[in-house]
Each structure stands twice: as structure tokens, then as C-alpha cells.
């Protein structure tokens, strides 16, 4: 599996902390908490975590990423609301998403966690400007991040085996790669359906705002 430079940098950073231990787990958790408020793609973070720690990173990633999302949500709602509203006032697509959240609640959070039209950091802030409650936002974020988190951690884990563990047989690697591709196909199909649903909701919200 070929890595992109940002992924390689993240992998090297995480490798400095050695195998998964209380210390490295704490570092990994802090990275994902920070990822909720900083513009670092969660996809790259998850792949890098899978490369270094394998699937054992998933139980750390999910709650940490959720906490990071909650922090971004609360900062947007209580500290930066007016500034953010001025930034998006001329962005009809984002306004449509906000209107859809106000109308549909946690369902829009679920859609964007599976197939987000905006980066997750921006989505956290955007949701903070809506009327959705913190509890609904948090549980929907946690639950609907699971498919992509499992996928990208697994892809990173497969890449680690393919590149590092030379003792694995070609057959075993082939089975792992086929499983990863099958999982990827399922997630992509779900994401395509979710994007279509989200576009429909955006259109409905925009039409309602105009009306």
C-alpha cells in the first residue's frame, strides 16, 4: 500500500511512542481529540493509527474523536458563533445543511459522519451553530463514525502487514486485501446513497428557506 506524505509523517510520529501502551494510547487519544478542532483529515489519522497500532487503535479512536467533535461543537456554539455565522452567510450550501439539521436533527449528523460534504472539523463547528442538542450530536457522531473508522484502520493494518511483516504468505495477504476491498466497496455504496439523501435534504431545506 502506497502512502501519501502526510500519512507517512503521521505514521512516523506515532511510531516514536512504540507499541500500544498507556502512554502511546494517551498520545493517540490526544491526537484525535485535537483533530476535532484542527484541520487534520480524520481519514489520514485513522489510516496512520492502523498502520502503527492495527485494529486495537479503534477503541481509542472512537471516543477520542467524539470528544474532539464535542469540543469543536461547544466552541462554535458558545465562543465563536457570531464570527462563524459571518463567515458562512454567503455560503448557501452550508446554510442549507444547517437548516436541514434544524429540521431533521441527528439524522443529518449521521449522514455527514458517513459521507460528509465538508471536512469533519468544519462540520463540528457547523453543527454548533444549529439547534441540535449536544447529546444527540454526540451519540450520532460516535455511532456513525464506526464504519469509516473500522475501514480506514483496517486498511492501515493491511498496509502494515504488506510492507512490514515479510513472513506472511501471499495467500494470506491476498485474503486480507480482498476483505479490505470488499469492506471498502460496501462503505462506498453506503456513502453514495447517503450523499444522495443529503443532497435531497439540502434541496428541501433550501426550498423551505426560499418559501
Protein backbone atom coordinates (compact mmCIF):
# COMPACT_ATOMS: atom_id res chain seq x y z
CA UNK A 1 0.00 0.00 0.00
CA UNK A 2 1.50 3.28 -1.11
CA UNK A 3 1.41 6.05 1.47
CA UNK A 4 0.91 9.75 0.93
CA UNK A 5 3.46 12.11 2.57
CA UNK A 6 1.06 13.39 5.27
CA UNK A 7 0.23 9.81 6.23
CA UNK A 8 3.91 8.90 6.37
CA UNK A 9 4.59 11.84 8.68
CA UNK A 10 1.76 10.80 10.99
CA UNK A 11 2.99 7.20 10.98
CA UNK A 12 6.50 8.29 11.96
CA UNK A 13 5.13 10.49 14.73
CA UNK A 14 3.04 7.68 16.20
CA UNK A 15 5.85 5.14 15.87
CA UNK A 16 8.02 7.22 18.17
CA UNK A 17 5.78 6.16 21.04
CA UNK A 18 6.38 2.46 20.43
CA UNK A 19 3.78 -0.30 20.78
CA UNK A 20 0.33 0.42 22.14
CA UNK A 21 0.74 1.16 25.83
CA UNK A 22 -0.89 3.54 28.32
CA UNK A 23 1.47 6.29 27.16
CA UNK A 24 1.03 5.74 23.43
CA UNK A 25 -2.73 5.29 23.90
CA UNK A 26 -2.87 8.65 25.68
CA UNK A 27 -0.91 10.29 22.86
CA UNK A 28 -3.20 8.71 20.26
CA UNK A 29 -6.27 9.89 22.17
CA UNK A 30 -4.91 13.45 22.35
CA UNK A 31 -4.20 13.43 18.61
CA UNK A 32 -7.81 12.54 17.82
CA UNK A 33 -9.21 15.00 20.35
CA UNK A 34 -7.12 17.74 18.72
CA UNK A 35 -8.32 16.52 15.32
CA UNK A 36 -11.83 17.61 16.27
CA UNK A 37 -10.83 21.28 16.31
CA UNK A 38 -7.83 21.36 13.96
CA UNK A 39 -7.95 20.90 10.17
CA UNK A 40 -6.29 17.48 10.07
CA UNK A 41 -8.18 14.89 7.98
CA UNK A 42 -9.52 12.15 10.25
CA UNK A 43 -9.05 9.67 7.40
CA UNK A 44 -5.28 10.16 7.42
CA UNK A 45 -5.15 9.97 11.21
CA UNK A 46 -7.09 6.71 11.22
CA UNK A 47 -5.02 5.09 8.47
CA UNK A 48 -1.81 6.08 10.25
CA UNK A 49 -3.15 4.64 13.51
CA UNK A 50 -4.00 1.39 11.76
CA UNK A 51 -0.50 1.19 10.29
CA UNK A 52 1.16 1.65 13.68
CA UNK A 53 -1.25 0.02 16.14
CA UNK A 54 -3.59 -2.09 14.00
CA UNK A 55 -7.25 -2.59 14.86
CA UNK A 56 -6.50 -2.22 18.58
CA UNK A 57 -6.46 1.54 17.97
CA UNK A 58 -10.20 1.61 17.15
CA UNK A 59 -11.46 1.59 20.79
CA UNK A 60 -9.22 4.60 21.42
CA UNK A 61 -10.07 6.45 18.21
CA UNK A 62 -13.87 6.40 18.52
CA UNK A 63 -14.32 8.01 21.97
CA UNK A 64 -11.40 10.39 21.43
CA UNK A 65 -12.67 11.61 18.06
CA UNK A 66 -16.14 12.02 19.60
CA UNK A 67 -14.73 14.12 22.44
CA UNK A 68 -12.82 16.24 19.92
CA UNK A 69 -16.02 16.73 17.92
CA UNK A 70 -17.87 17.76 21.08
CA UNK A 71 -15.20 20.34 21.91
CA UNK A 72 -15.39 21.79 18.39
CA UNK A 73 -19.19 21.85 18.67
CA UNK A 74 -19.15 23.66 22.02
CA UNK A 75 -16.51 26.17 20.94
CA UNK A 76 -18.59 27.07 17.90
CA UNK A 77 -21.79 27.36 19.91
CA UNK A 78 -20.55 29.37 22.87
CA UNK A 79 -17.36 31.20 21.84
CA UNK A 80 -17.23 31.73 18.08
CA UNK A 81 -20.86 31.65 16.96
CA UNK A 82 -21.09 35.23 15.67
CA UNK A 83 -17.75 35.08 13.85
CA UNK A 84 -18.63 31.77 12.21
CA UNK A 85 -22.07 32.97 11.16
CA UNK A 86 -20.47 35.93 9.40
CA UNK A 87 -18.12 33.55 7.59
CA UNK A 88 -20.88 31.34 6.21
CA UNK A 89 -23.55 33.95 5.48
CA UNK A 90 -22.75 33.80 1.74
CA UNK A 91 -22.33 30.02 1.57
CA UNK A 92 -25.78 28.67 0.65
CA UNK A 93 -24.74 25.01 0.79
CA UNK A 94 -23.62 25.28 4.41
CA UNK A 95 -26.73 27.24 5.32
CA UNK A 96 -28.83 24.53 3.68
CA UNK A 97 -27.10 21.87 5.80
CA UNK A 98 -27.75 23.93 8.94
CA UNK A 99 -31.42 24.27 8.01
CA UNK A 100 -31.59 20.52 7.39
CA UNK A 101 -30.09 19.83 10.82
CA UNK A 102 -32.69 22.07 12.45
CA UNK A 103 -35.40 20.16 10.59
CA UNK A 104 -34.07 16.60 10.80
CA UNK A 105 -31.82 16.61 13.88
CA UNK A 106 -29.44 13.71 14.45
CA UNK A 107 -30.21 12.17 11.04
CA UNK A 108 -28.15 14.86 9.31
CA UNK A 109 -25.28 14.30 11.73
CA UNK A 110 -25.45 10.61 10.85
CA UNK A 111 -25.39 11.33 7.12
CA UNK A 112 -22.42 13.65 7.35
CA UNK A 113 -20.41 11.23 9.50
CA UNK A 114 -20.87 8.53 6.88
CA UNK A 115 -20.50 10.73 3.79
CA UNK A 116 -19.61 14.29 4.72
CA UNK A 117 -19.70 17.02 2.06
CA UNK A 118 -17.49 19.15 4.33
CA UNK A 119 -14.39 18.29 6.43
CA UNK A 120 -15.22 16.85 9.85
CA UNK A 121 -13.67 19.82 11.70
CA UNK A 122 -15.84 22.24 9.76
CA UNK A 123 -18.87 20.00 10.30
CA UNK A 124 -18.33 20.08 14.08
CA UNK A 125 -18.37 23.87 14.04
CA UNK A 126 -21.32 23.99 11.67
CA UNK A 127 -23.43 21.77 13.91
CA UNK A 128 -22.60 24.02 16.84
CA UNK A 129 -24.45 26.83 15.07
CA UNK A 130 -27.68 24.80 14.80
CA UNK A 131 -30.34 23.98 17.37
CA UNK A 132 -29.35 20.31 17.77
CA UNK A 133 -28.61 19.27 21.34
CA UNK A 134 -25.15 18.17 22.46
CA UNK A 135 -26.36 14.69 23.45
CA UNK A 136 -27.94 13.96 20.05
CA UNK A 137 -24.90 15.34 18.26
CA UNK A 138 -22.51 13.26 20.39
CA UNK A 139 -24.15 9.85 20.15
CA UNK A 140 -24.83 10.22 16.42
CA UNK A 141 -21.21 11.22 15.88
CA UNK A 142 -19.92 8.22 17.84
CA UNK A 143 -22.19 5.62 16.26
CA UNK A 144 -21.98 6.73 12.66
CA UNK A 145 -18.20 7.20 12.68
CA UNK A 146 -17.81 3.48 13.31
CA UNK A 147 -17.98 2.22 9.67
CA UNK A 148 -15.32 4.55 8.28
CA UNK A 149 -13.13 4.20 11.37
CA UNK A 150 -13.14 0.41 11.04
CA UNK A 151 -12.48 0.66 7.31
CA UNK A 152 -9.52 3.04 7.44
CA UNK A 153 -7.94 1.39 10.49
CA UNK A 154 -8.21 -1.96 8.71
CA UNK A 155 -6.70 -0.57 5.51
CA UNK A 156 -3.81 0.81 7.54
CA UNK A 157 -3.39 -2.54 9.29
CA UNK A 158 -3.36 -4.40 5.95
CA UNK A 159 -0.76 -1.97 4.65
CA UNK A 160 1.41 -2.62 7.69
CA UNK A 161 1.31 -6.37 7.12
CA UNK A 162 2.06 -5.99 3.42
CA UNK A 163 5.01 -3.66 3.94
CA UNK A 164 6.49 -4.77 7.25
CA UNK A 165 5.68 -8.38 8.02
CA UNK A 166 7.53 -10.27 5.30
CA UNK A 167 6.69 -13.59 6.92
CA UNK A 168 3.08 -13.50 5.79
CA UNK A 169 2.21 -15.72 2.87
CA UNK A 170 0.97 -14.29 -0.41
CA UNK A 171 -2.32 -16.14 0.04
CA UNK A 172 -2.90 -14.62 3.46
CA UNK A 173 -2.11 -11.13 2.19
CA UNK A 174 -4.43 -11.70 -0.75
CA UNK A 175 -7.29 -12.67 1.56
CA UNK A 176 -6.69 -9.61 3.73
CA UNK A 177 -6.55 -7.31 0.70
CA UNK A 178 -9.75 -8.85 -0.72
CA UNK A 179 -11.51 -8.35 2.62
CA UNK A 180 -10.38 -4.74 2.72
CA UNK A 181 -11.62 -4.13 -0.82
CA UNK A 182 -14.97 -5.74 -0.06
CA UNK A 183 -15.35 -3.59 3.04
CA UNK A 184 -14.36 -0.53 1.03
CA UNK A 185 -16.97 -1.33 -1.63
CA UNK A 186 -19.71 -1.62 0.99
CA UNK A 187 -18.76 1.68 2.64
CA UNK A 188 -18.56 3.43 -0.74
CA UNK A 189 -22.01 2.15 -1.71
CA UNK A 190 -23.45 3.31 1.60
CA UNK A 191 -21.68 6.66 1.24
CA UNK A 192 -23.06 7.15 -2.26
CA UNK A 193 -26.59 6.51 -1.02
CA UNK A 194 -26.06 8.81 1.95
CA UNK A 195 -24.73 11.62 -0.24
CA UNK A 196 -27.80 11.35 -2.45
CA UNK A 197 -30.03 11.53 0.63
CA UNK A 198 -28.10 14.52 1.95
CA UNK A 199 -28.38 16.37 -1.36
CA UNK A 200 -32.12 15.76 -1.31
CA UNK A 201 -32.36 17.12 2.22
CA UNK A 202 -30.29 20.16 1.24
CA UNK A 203 -32.64 20.86 -1.67
CA UNK A 204 -35.67 20.53 0.58
CA UNK A 205 -34.13 22.80 3.22
CA UNK A 206 -33.17 25.40 0.60
CA UNK A 207 -36.66 25.32 -0.90
CA UNK A 208 -38.16 25.79 2.54
CA UNK A 209 -35.87 28.72 3.27
CA UNK A 210 -36.83 30.39 -0.02
CA UNK A 211 -40.50 29.72 0.57
